[in-house]
Each structure stands twice: as C-alpha cells, then as structure tokens.
C-alpha atoms as a PDB file:
ATOM      1  CA  MET A   1    -103.082  18.320  10.061  1.00  0.00           C
ATOM      2  CA  ASP A   2    -104.586  21.710   9.483  1.00  0.00           C
ATOM      3  CA  LYS A   3    -108.331  22.031   9.017  1.00  0.00           C
ATOM      4  CA  MET A   4    -108.125  23.205   5.398  1.00  0.00           C
ATOM      5  CA  ARG A   5    -106.151  20.154   4.286  1.00  0.00           C
ATOM      6  CA  LYS A   6    -108.464  17.838   6.212  1.00  0.00           C
ATOM      7  CA  ARG A   7    -111.494  19.436   4.526  1.00  0.00           C
ATOM      8  CA  LYS A   8    -109.904  19.034   1.087  1.00  0.00           C
ATOM      9  CA  PHE A   9    -109.375  15.321   1.654  1.00  0.00           C
ATOM     10  CA  ASN A  10    -112.906  14.889   3.019  1.00  0.00           C
ATOM     11  CA  THR A  11    -114.293  16.704  -0.032  1.00  0.00           C
ATOM     12  CA  TYR A  12    -112.221  14.451  -2.313  1.00  0.00           C
ATOM     13  CA  TYR A  13    -113.503  11.308  -0.579  1.00  0.00           C
ATOM     14  CA  TRP A  14    -117.139  12.434  -0.804  1.00  0.00           C
ATOM     15  CA  THR A  15    -116.704  13.372  -4.468  1.00  0.00           C
ATOM     16  CA  CYS A  16    -115.358   9.892  -5.234  1.00  0.00           C
ATOM     17  CA  ILE A  17    -118.327   8.307  -3.459  1.00  0.00           C
ATOM     18  CA  VAL A  18    -120.877  10.473  -5.290  1.00  0.00           C
ATOM     19  CA  VAL A  19    -119.276   9.728  -8.668  1.00  0.00           C
ATOM     20  CA  ALA A  20    -119.279   5.994  -7.914  1.00  0.00           C
ATOM     21  CA  VAL A  21    -122.944   6.038  -6.889  1.00  0.00           C
ATOM     22  CA  CYS A  22    -123.876   7.959 -10.044  1.00  0.00           C
ATOM     23  CA  LEU A  23    -121.930   5.456 -12.152  1.00  0.00           C
ATOM     24  CA  LEU A  24    -123.718   2.576 -10.437  1.00  0.00           C
ATOM     25  CA  ILE A  25    -127.100   4.130 -11.198  1.00  0.00           C
ATOM     26  CA  VAL A  26    -126.541   5.455 -14.723  1.00  0.00           C
ATOM     27  CA  SER A  27    -123.954   3.279 -16.479  1.00  0.00           C
ATOM     28  CA  ASN A  28    -123.806  -0.359 -17.533  1.00  0.00           C
ATOM     29  CA  ILE A  29    -120.282  -0.816 -16.175  1.00  0.00           C
ATOM     30  CA  GLU A  30    -119.994  -3.851 -13.921  1.00  0.00           C
ATOM     31  CA  TRP A  31    -120.470  -2.897 -10.294  1.00  0.00           C
ATOM     32  CA  GLU A  32    -117.293  -4.757  -9.255  1.00  0.00           C
ATOM     33  CA  ARG A  33    -115.186  -2.478 -11.456  1.00  0.00           C
ATOM     34  CA  ILE A  34    -116.853   0.651 -10.090  1.00  0.00           C
ATOM     35  CA  ILE A  35    -116.359  -0.422  -6.465  1.00  0.00           C
ATOM     36  CA  SER A  36    -112.740  -1.457  -7.076  1.00  0.00           C
ATOM     37  CA  GLY A  37    -112.029   1.895  -8.739  1.00  0.00           C
ATOM     38  CA  LEU A  38    -113.644   3.671  -5.799  1.00  0.00           C
ATOM     39  CA  MET A  39    -111.586   1.705  -3.278  1.00  0.00           C
ATOM     40  CA  ALA A  40    -108.353   2.386  -5.157  1.00  0.00           C
ATOM     41  CA  SER A  41    -109.103   6.087  -5.611  1.00  0.00           C
ATOM     42  CA  ILE A  42    -109.782   6.432  -1.883  1.00  0.00           C
ATOM     43  CA  ALA A  43    -107.172   4.048  -0.422  1.00  0.00           C
ATOM     44  CA  ILE A  44    -104.114   5.284  -2.326  1.00  0.00           C
ATOM     45  CA  PRO A  45    -104.419   8.976  -1.319  1.00  0.00           C
ATOM     46  CA  PHE A  46    -105.529   8.030   2.212  1.00  0.00           C
ATOM     47  CA  TYR A  47    -102.486   5.854   2.782  1.00  0.00           C
ATOM     48  CA  GLY A  48     -99.989   7.982   0.843  1.00  0.00           C
ATOM     49  CA  PHE A  49    -100.949  11.595   1.437  1.00  0.00           C
ATOM     50  CA  ASP A  50    -103.515  11.918   4.210  1.00  0.00           C
ATOM     51  CA  GLU A  51    -101.863  12.103   7.630  1.00  0.00           C
ATOM     52  CA  ARG A  52    -104.815  10.263   9.168  1.00  0.00           C
ATOM     53  CA  GLY A  53    -103.613   7.180   7.277  1.00  0.00           C
ATOM     54  CA  ALA A  54    -100.609   6.943   9.608  1.00  0.00           C
ATOM     55  CA  TYR A  55    -102.967   6.250  12.520  1.00  0.00           C
ATOM     56  CA  ALA A  56    -105.028   3.738  10.562  1.00  0.00           C
ATOM     57  CA  PHE A  57    -102.017   1.882   9.102  1.00  0.00           C
ATOM     58  CA  PRO A  58     -99.041   2.062  11.487  1.00  0.00           C
ATOM     59  CA  ASP A  59     -95.611   0.948  10.291  1.00  0.00           C
ATOM     60  CA  GLY A  60     -94.689  -2.689  10.795  1.00  0.00           C
ATOM     61  CA  ASP A  61     -91.588  -1.750  12.804  1.00  0.00           C
ATOM     62  CA  GLU A  62     -93.723  -0.261  15.561  1.00  0.00           C
ATOM     63  CA  ASP A  63     -95.785  -3.444  15.799  1.00  0.00           C
ATOM     64  CA  ASP A  64     -92.622  -5.546  16.156  1.00  0.00           C
ATOM     65  CA  LEU A  65     -91.337  -3.390  19.005  1.00  0.00           C
ATOM     66  CA  GLU A  66     -94.588  -3.669  20.943  1.00  0.00           C
ATOM     67  CA  SER A  67     -94.598  -7.464  20.788  1.00  0.00           C
ATOM     68  CA  GLU A  68     -91.158  -7.768  22.445  1.00  0.00           C
END
C-alpha cells in the first residue's frame, strides 16, 4: 500500500475517533450508540478497503489449509 493511501485511511480513522469523542462529551445520545457507530464506521472500511485488513482478517480458506 502506498504511503498516501495509508495516510488517508489513518486520517479517516482519527477523524472518526475525534467525532465520537466530541459526541460523547457534547450530546445526549446514548454512549452505546456512539460507540457502535464508531466501530461500524471504522470496521467496514478497514475490512473492505484498507489492505491492512487482509493481514488482520485472513480468509477462512487459508486457515483450513494450515490445519491439514
């Protein structure tokens, strides 16, 4: 992964965290909803678009081959 793309994803992740912290401090929204929104907004792009997600979540087929 090139450095520019990696920096864009890192900036996106930090922005999501800052927005969630600000929402926790300022709003009366339940904290469970804020945290679940944060987890979804980080996990979906990390798994789907960020190439680092392939290392964190390997395919199930590879796990089956290693166990044989």
